[in-house]
Protein backbone atom coordinates (compact mmCIF):
# COMPACT_ATOMS: atom_id res chain seq x y z
CA MET A 1 129.76 99.54 100.01
CA SER A 2 126.81 98.31 102.09
CA ILE A 3 124.80 97.45 98.99
CA ALA A 4 127.78 95.63 97.50
CA SER A 5 128.19 93.48 100.61
CA VAL A 6 124.52 92.47 100.59
CA GLN A 7 124.58 91.76 96.85
CA GLN A 8 127.65 89.58 97.45
CA GLN A 9 125.64 87.66 100.07
CA LEU A 10 122.93 87.09 97.46
CA ALA A 11 125.40 85.87 94.87
CA GLN A 12 126.65 83.25 97.32
CA SER A 13 123.18 81.80 97.89
CA ALA A 14 123.50 78.15 96.86
CA GLU A 15 119.92 77.41 95.86
CA GLY A 16 119.03 80.88 94.64
CA ASP A 17 116.50 81.30 97.46
CA VAL A 18 116.82 84.04 100.07
CA ALA A 19 115.25 84.24 103.53
CA LEU A 20 113.99 87.80 103.80
CA ARG A 21 114.32 88.34 107.57
CA PRO A 22 118.13 87.92 107.72
CA TYR A 23 118.53 89.62 104.34
CA PHE A 24 116.61 92.75 105.39
CA THR A 25 118.26 92.72 108.82
CA GLN A 26 121.76 92.67 107.32
CA LEU A 27 120.85 95.21 104.66
CA CYS A 28 119.45 97.66 107.23
CA ALA A 29 122.40 97.10 109.58
CA SER A 30 124.76 97.97 106.71
CA LEU A 31 122.74 101.06 105.80
CA GLY A 32 122.67 102.16 109.45
CA ALA A 33 126.40 101.61 109.89
CA SER A 34 127.21 103.68 106.83
CA MET A 35 124.64 106.48 107.24
CA ILE A 36 123.75 106.90 110.93
CA GLU A 37 126.33 108.88 112.89
CA ASP A 38 124.66 108.39 116.27
CA PRO A 39 122.77 105.08 116.75
CA ALA A 40 121.39 106.45 120.03
CA ARG A 41 119.57 109.11 117.96
CA LEU A 42 118.34 107.06 114.98
CA SER A 43 117.58 103.37 114.63
CA ILE A 44 116.29 100.96 112.01
CA GLN A 45 114.06 98.09 113.13
CA VAL A 46 113.27 95.08 110.93
CA VAL A 47 110.28 92.81 111.45
CA ALA A 48 109.78 90.10 108.86
CA ASP A 49 108.19 86.69 108.74
CA ASP A 50 109.92 83.50 107.57
CA THR A 51 109.31 84.14 103.88
CA VAL A 52 111.87 82.77 101.42
CA VAL A 53 111.91 84.18 97.88
CA SER A 54 113.99 83.82 94.74
CA SER A 55 117.22 85.79 94.64
CA GLU A 56 115.77 87.86 91.78
CA THR A 57 112.77 88.88 93.89
CA SER A 58 114.95 89.54 96.91
CA ILE A 59 117.14 91.91 94.89
CA SER A 60 114.09 93.95 93.84
CA LEU A 61 112.75 94.02 97.41
CA GLY A 62 116.21 94.90 98.74
CA LEU A 63 116.55 97.81 96.32
CA ILE A 64 113.12 99.10 97.39
CA VAL A 65 114.07 98.86 101.08
CA THR A 66 117.40 100.56 100.39
CA GLU A 67 115.81 103.45 98.52
CA LEU A 68 113.06 104.01 101.10
CA VAL A 69 115.39 103.74 104.13
CA ILE A 70 117.92 106.14 102.58
CA ASN A 71 115.08 108.54 101.74
CA ALA A 72 113.88 108.47 105.35
CA LEU A 73 117.41 108.97 106.67
CA LYS A 74 117.92 111.97 104.36
CA HIS A 75 114.57 113.73 104.83
CA ALA A 76 112.63 112.58 107.92
CA PHE A 77 115.00 113.60 110.70
CA PRO A 78 116.40 117.12 110.12
CA ASP A 79 118.34 119.12 112.67
CA GLY A 80 119.44 116.14 114.77
CA ARG A 81 115.90 114.93 115.38
CA GLN A 82 115.66 111.50 117.05
CA GLY A 83 113.61 108.72 115.57
CA LYS A 84 113.10 105.25 114.24
CA ILE A 85 112.67 103.69 110.83
CA SER A 86 110.70 100.45 110.62
CA VAL A 87 110.89 97.85 107.87
CA ASP A 88 108.08 95.27 108.01
CA TYR A 89 107.41 92.36 105.66
CA THR A 90 104.56 89.87 105.89
CA ALA A 91 103.17 87.32 103.46
CA ARG A 92 100.07 85.20 103.46
CA GLY A 93 99.79 82.89 100.49
CA PRO A 94 100.25 84.91 97.30
CA ASN A 95 99.61 88.18 99.14
CA TRP A 96 102.45 90.12 100.72
CA SER A 97 103.26 93.60 101.92
CA LEU A 98 106.47 95.47 102.53
CA SER A 99 106.20 98.58 104.67
CA VAL A 100 108.90 101.15 105.36
CA GLY A 101 107.87 103.81 107.83
CA ASP A 102 109.43 106.44 110.03
CA ASP A 103 108.36 108.64 112.92
CA GLY A 104 110.02 111.71 111.45
CA ILE A 105 108.61 115.06 110.36
CA GLY A 106 106.20 113.61 107.81
CA MET A 107 105.28 114.91 104.41
CA PRO A 108 104.67 118.58 103.65
CA ALA A 109 101.06 119.69 104.15
CA ASP A 110 101.01 121.07 100.59
CA PRO A 111 101.02 118.16 98.10
CA GLN A 112 102.52 120.53 95.49
CA ALA A 113 105.63 120.83 97.68
CA VAL A 114 106.37 117.11 97.20
CA LYS A 115 108.42 116.65 94.05
CA PRO A 116 108.91 113.00 93.17
CA GLY A 117 112.52 112.27 92.35
CA LEU A 118 114.51 109.46 90.81
CA GLY A 119 114.08 107.33 93.93
CA THR A 120 110.30 107.45 93.61
CA SER A 121 110.57 106.34 89.99
CA ILE A 122 112.88 103.49 90.97
CA VAL A 123 110.53 102.28 93.72
CA GLU A 124 107.52 102.47 91.40
CA ALA A 125 109.35 100.60 88.61
CA LEU A 126 110.51 97.85 90.97
CA ALA A 127 107.05 97.52 92.50
CA SER A 128 105.59 97.26 89.01
CA GLN A 129 108.05 94.47 88.17
CA LEU A 130 106.82 92.65 91.28
CA GLU A 131 103.19 93.29 90.23
CA ALA A 132 102.69 95.30 93.41
CA GLU A 133 101.19 98.68 94.24
CA VAL A 134 102.90 101.59 96.01
CA GLN A 135 100.87 103.36 98.71
CA VAL A 136 102.25 106.42 100.49
CA ALA A 137 100.65 107.75 103.66
CA ASN A 138 101.33 110.49 106.16
CA ALA A 139 101.63 108.47 109.38
CA THR A 140 101.32 111.40 111.83
CA PRO A 141 104.07 111.45 112.90
CA GLY A 142 106.18 110.37 109.99
CA THR A 143 105.60 108.75 106.65
CA THR A 144 104.83 105.18 105.65
CA VAL A 145 105.31 103.63 102.23
CA ASP A 146 103.64 100.29 101.61
CA ILE A 147 104.38 98.01 98.69
CA VAL A 148 101.41 95.65 98.43
CA HIS A 149 101.02 92.56 96.27
CA SER A 150 97.49 91.19 96.21
CA GLY A 151 97.59 87.93 94.32
CA VAL A 152 94.53 85.81 93.87
CA ALA A 153 94.73 82.46 95.58
CA VAL A 154 92.98 79.76 93.60
CA VAL A 155 91.50 77.17 95.90
CA ARG A 156 89.88 74.11 94.41
CA ASP A 157 88.52 71.06 96.10
CA ALA A 158 87.72 67.71 94.51
CA ALA A 159 84.04 68.64 93.88
CA GLN A 160 84.99 71.81 91.98
CA ALA A 161 87.57 69.98 89.86
CA VAL A 162 84.94 67.64 88.32
């Protein structure tokens, strides 16, 4: 239901452009309302700049955020553990990064114990569509997943153009 309400918001966007800060904020509020029993125990914080993207790009980014936040809610805070999930987005020119992190239990010490599931495949496919790279790190405490797009900015001045 929460995903449907956010997708409905996207469909109503008149120009097809979406401001990411309110989009991620509403998306995470919907996810929290539907999945967090005790907001005093778990919270989701969104920090994003004033970036505006096409609705198509926002859908891909929103699906990545949804998958990573749900994954953190399901795995990072067992046995009633308290914590916080952070969603951060920043852009500078053609370069941008989306980071979803938590201060939960972190990843298992044995890399063989981590079995990538469907969610990992979805995040990797969406990142690939966005020409971005997925980076996963043990944050000690917690886990952080960064989606990084490093575009090349072409800067030309009048002397170079001749």
